[in-house]
Amino acid sequence: MSETYIPRNSSHIAQAEYDREERSLTITFQSGDVYEYDEVPFDVFLGLQNAASAGQYFHRVIKDRFAYEQV
């Protein structure tokens, strides 16, 4: 089961999708690049949804903290 989040007015992130079974977070950036982050806790995805700035949250909490690959 996956959940999708589309941040409003984000200049950095176009969409984020979280797969609960795989514990993976797939982020589509405004540039069109797509990255999948592994072993991401669900509360990190919730934090992204509730952040005042999705881009700042990504840089502070997600980037360089989880294994990832470009897809």
C-alpha atoms as a PDB file:
ATOM      1  CA  MET A   1       0.000   0.000   0.000  1.00  0.00           C
ATOM      2  CA  SER A   2       1.371   3.386  -0.899  1.00  0.00           C
ATOM      3  CA  GLU A   3       0.433   6.950  -0.123  1.00  0.00           C
ATOM      4  CA  THR A   4       1.075  10.000  -2.278  1.00  0.00           C
ATOM      5  CA  TYR A   5       1.742  13.541  -1.141  1.00  0.00           C
ATOM      6  CA  ILE A   6       1.846  16.534  -3.475  1.00  0.00           C
ATOM      7  CA  PRO A   7       3.217  19.603  -1.713  1.00  0.00           C
ATOM      8  CA  ARG A   8       1.597  22.916  -2.509  1.00  0.00           C
ATOM      9  CA  ASN A   9       3.846  25.706  -3.712  1.00  0.00           C
ATOM     10  CA  SER A  10       7.092  23.736  -3.420  1.00  0.00           C
ATOM     11  CA  SER A  11       9.844  24.915  -5.723  1.00  0.00           C
ATOM     12  CA  HIS A  12      11.835  21.768  -4.992  1.00  0.00           C
ATOM     13  CA  ILE A  13       9.544  18.728  -4.653  1.00  0.00           C
ATOM     14  CA  ALA A  14       6.766  17.867  -7.097  1.00  0.00           C
ATOM     15  CA  GLN A  15       5.539  14.675  -5.418  1.00  0.00           C
ATOM     16  CA  ALA A  16       6.413  12.135  -2.743  1.00  0.00           C
ATOM     17  CA  GLU A  17       5.129   8.574  -2.553  1.00  0.00           C
ATOM     18  CA  TYR A  18       5.605   6.278   0.442  1.00  0.00           C
ATOM     19  CA  ASP A  19       5.317   2.483   0.247  1.00  0.00           C
ATOM     20  CA  ARG A  20       4.577   1.106   3.721  1.00  0.00           C
ATOM     21  CA  GLU A  21       5.457  -2.491   2.880  1.00  0.00           C
ATOM     22  CA  GLU A  22       8.823  -1.614   1.352  1.00  0.00           C
ATOM     23  CA  ARG A  23       9.455   1.352   3.689  1.00  0.00           C
ATOM     24  CA  SER A  24      10.540   3.285   0.617  1.00  0.00           C
ATOM     25  CA  LEU A  25      10.041   6.936  -0.194  1.00  0.00           C
ATOM     26  CA  THR A  26      10.028   7.963  -3.841  1.00  0.00           C
ATOM     27  CA  ILE A  27      10.480  11.663  -4.467  1.00  0.00           C
ATOM     28  CA  THR A  28       9.872  13.357  -7.792  1.00  0.00           C
ATOM     29  CA  PHE A  29      11.606  16.708  -7.952  1.00  0.00           C
ATOM     30  CA  GLN A  30      10.425  19.699  -9.951  1.00  0.00           C
ATOM     31  CA  SER A  31      13.346  19.034 -12.329  1.00  0.00           C
ATOM     32  CA  GLY A  32      11.764  15.690 -13.226  1.00  0.00           C
ATOM     33  CA  ASP A  33      14.453  13.645 -11.457  1.00  0.00           C
ATOM     34  CA  VAL A  34      13.072  10.754  -9.395  1.00  0.00           C
ATOM     35  CA  TYR A  35      14.876   9.200  -6.438  1.00  0.00           C
ATOM     36  CA  GLU A  36      13.905   6.278  -4.227  1.00  0.00           C
ATOM     37  CA  TYR A  37      15.035   6.317  -0.596  1.00  0.00           C
ATOM     38  CA  ASP A  38      15.209   3.017   1.313  1.00  0.00           C
ATOM     39  CA  GLU A  39      14.294   2.089   4.894  1.00  0.00           C
ATOM     40  CA  VAL A  40      12.538   5.387   5.560  1.00  0.00           C
ATOM     41  CA  PRO A  41      10.307   5.324   8.671  1.00  0.00           C
ATOM     42  CA  PHE A  42       6.680   6.296   8.106  1.00  0.00           C
ATOM     43  CA  ASP A  43       7.007   9.185  10.568  1.00  0.00           C
ATOM     44  CA  VAL A  44       9.575  10.794   8.234  1.00  0.00           C
ATOM     45  CA  PHE A  45       6.964  10.751   5.459  1.00  0.00           C
ATOM     46  CA  LEU A  46       4.421  12.273   7.854  1.00  0.00           C
ATOM     47  CA  GLY A  47       6.951  14.931   8.785  1.00  0.00           C
ATOM     48  CA  LEU A  48       7.395  15.777   5.114  1.00  0.00           C
ATOM     49  CA  GLN A  49       3.624  16.169   4.751  1.00  0.00           C
ATOM     50  CA  ASN A  50       3.399  18.445   7.779  1.00  0.00           C
ATOM     51  CA  ALA A  51       6.496  20.539   7.151  1.00  0.00           C
ATOM     52  CA  ALA A  52       6.125  24.250   6.485  1.00  0.00           C
ATOM     53  CA  SER A  53       8.650  23.769   3.657  1.00  0.00           C
ATOM     54  CA  ALA A  54       8.914  20.352   1.989  1.00  0.00           C
ATOM     55  CA  GLY A  55      12.254  21.278   0.433  1.00  0.00           C
ATOM     56  CA  GLN A  56      13.817  22.399   3.707  1.00  0.00           C
ATOM     57  CA  TYR A  57      12.524  19.280   5.470  1.00  0.00           C
ATOM     58  CA  PHE A  58      13.980  17.107   2.718  1.00  0.00           C
ATOM     59  CA  HIS A  59      17.412  18.719   3.072  1.00  0.00           C
ATOM     60  CA  ARG A  60      17.348  18.592   6.873  1.00  0.00           C
ATOM     61  CA  VAL A  61      15.869  15.119   7.468  1.00  0.00           C
ATOM     62  CA  ILE A  62      16.061  12.944   4.328  1.00  0.00           C
ATOM     63  CA  LYS A  63      18.921  13.937   2.026  1.00  0.00           C
ATOM     64  CA  ASP A  64      22.150  12.017   2.691  1.00  0.00           C
ATOM     65  CA  ARG A  65      20.570  10.120   5.605  1.00  0.00           C
ATOM     66  CA  PHE A  66      19.030   7.202   3.722  1.00  0.00           C
ATOM     67  CA  ALA A  67      20.366   4.939   0.985  1.00  0.00           C
ATOM     68  CA  TYR A  68      18.929   5.990  -2.356  1.00  0.00           C
ATOM     69  CA  GLU A  69      19.046   5.440  -6.072  1.00  0.00           C
ATOM     70  CA  GLN A  70      17.892   7.453  -9.050  1.00  0.00           C
ATOM     71  CA  VAL A  71      15.036   5.725 -10.856  1.00  0.00           C
END
